[in-house]
Amino acid sequence: MVTLAIAYESIQLIARCLVVCSRDSLLQIRLGEFFQWR
């Protein structure tokens, strides 16, 4: 049971990191397009 809880927490942490990373990459792409238009 303890290992399950630890695995669940680590999965949540990884998922959060992936969401943040994907958001950052999307932001960089948007900024790149914005600066290309100018």
C-alpha atoms as a PDB file:
ATOM      1  CA  MET A   1       0.000   0.000   0.000  1.00  0.00           C
ATOM      2  CA  VAL A   2       2.815   2.416   0.843  1.00  0.00           C
ATOM      3  CA  THR A   3       4.578   1.778  -2.484  1.00  0.00           C
ATOM      4  CA  LEU A   4       1.274   2.375  -4.282  1.00  0.00           C
ATOM      5  CA  ALA A   5       0.869   5.759  -2.609  1.00  0.00           C
ATOM      6  CA  ILE A   6       4.450   6.733  -3.492  1.00  0.00           C
ATOM      7  CA  ALA A   7       3.945   5.609  -7.115  1.00  0.00           C
ATOM      8  CA  TYR A   8       0.696   7.626  -7.313  1.00  0.00           C
ATOM      9  CA  GLU A   9       2.427  10.756  -5.990  1.00  0.00           C
ATOM     10  CA  SER A  10       5.333  10.368  -8.428  1.00  0.00           C
ATOM     11  CA  ILE A  11       2.892   9.892 -11.342  1.00  0.00           C
ATOM     12  CA  GLN A  12       1.053  13.073 -10.320  1.00  0.00           C
ATOM     13  CA  LEU A  13       4.375  14.941 -10.158  1.00  0.00           C
ATOM     14  CA  ILE A  14       5.438  13.704 -13.605  1.00  0.00           C
ATOM     15  CA  ALA A  15       2.034  14.591 -15.080  1.00  0.00           C
ATOM     16  CA  ARG A  16       2.267  18.111 -13.609  1.00  0.00           C
ATOM     17  CA  CYS A  17       5.781  18.551 -15.045  1.00  0.00           C
ATOM     18  CA  LEU A  18       4.569  17.395 -18.471  1.00  0.00           C
ATOM     19  CA  VAL A  19       1.671  19.866 -18.382  1.00  0.00           C
ATOM     20  CA  VAL A  20       3.992  22.736 -17.419  1.00  0.00           C
ATOM     21  CA  CYS A  21       6.555  21.754 -20.081  1.00  0.00           C
ATOM     22  CA  SER A  22       3.913  21.503 -22.823  1.00  0.00           C
ATOM     23  CA  ARG A  23       2.468  24.856 -21.756  1.00  0.00           C
ATOM     24  CA  ASP A  24       5.934  26.443 -21.879  1.00  0.00           C
ATOM     25  CA  SER A  25       6.665  25.002 -25.346  1.00  0.00           C
ATOM     26  CA  LEU A  26       3.301  26.252 -26.617  1.00  0.00           C
ATOM     27  CA  LEU A  27       4.109  29.693 -25.203  1.00  0.00           C
ATOM     28  CA  GLN A  28       7.502  29.678 -26.961  1.00  0.00           C
ATOM     29  CA  ILE A  29       5.862  28.702 -30.277  1.00  0.00           C
ATOM     30  CA  ARG A  30       3.313  31.518 -29.903  1.00  0.00           C
ATOM     31  CA  LEU A  31       6.085  34.016 -29.085  1.00  0.00           C
ATOM     32  CA  GLY A  32       8.081  32.819 -32.109  1.00  0.00           C
ATOM     33  CA  GLU A  33       5.084  33.312 -34.419  1.00  0.00           C
ATOM     34  CA  PHE A  34       4.402  36.727 -32.878  1.00  0.00           C
ATOM     35  CA  PHE A  35       7.969  37.923 -33.485  1.00  0.00           C
ATOM     36  CA  GLN A  36       7.954  36.504 -37.044  1.00  0.00           C
ATOM     37  CA  TRP A  37       4.898  38.617 -37.902  1.00  0.00           C
ATOM     38  CA  ARG A  38       6.568  41.842 -36.732  1.00  0.00           C
END
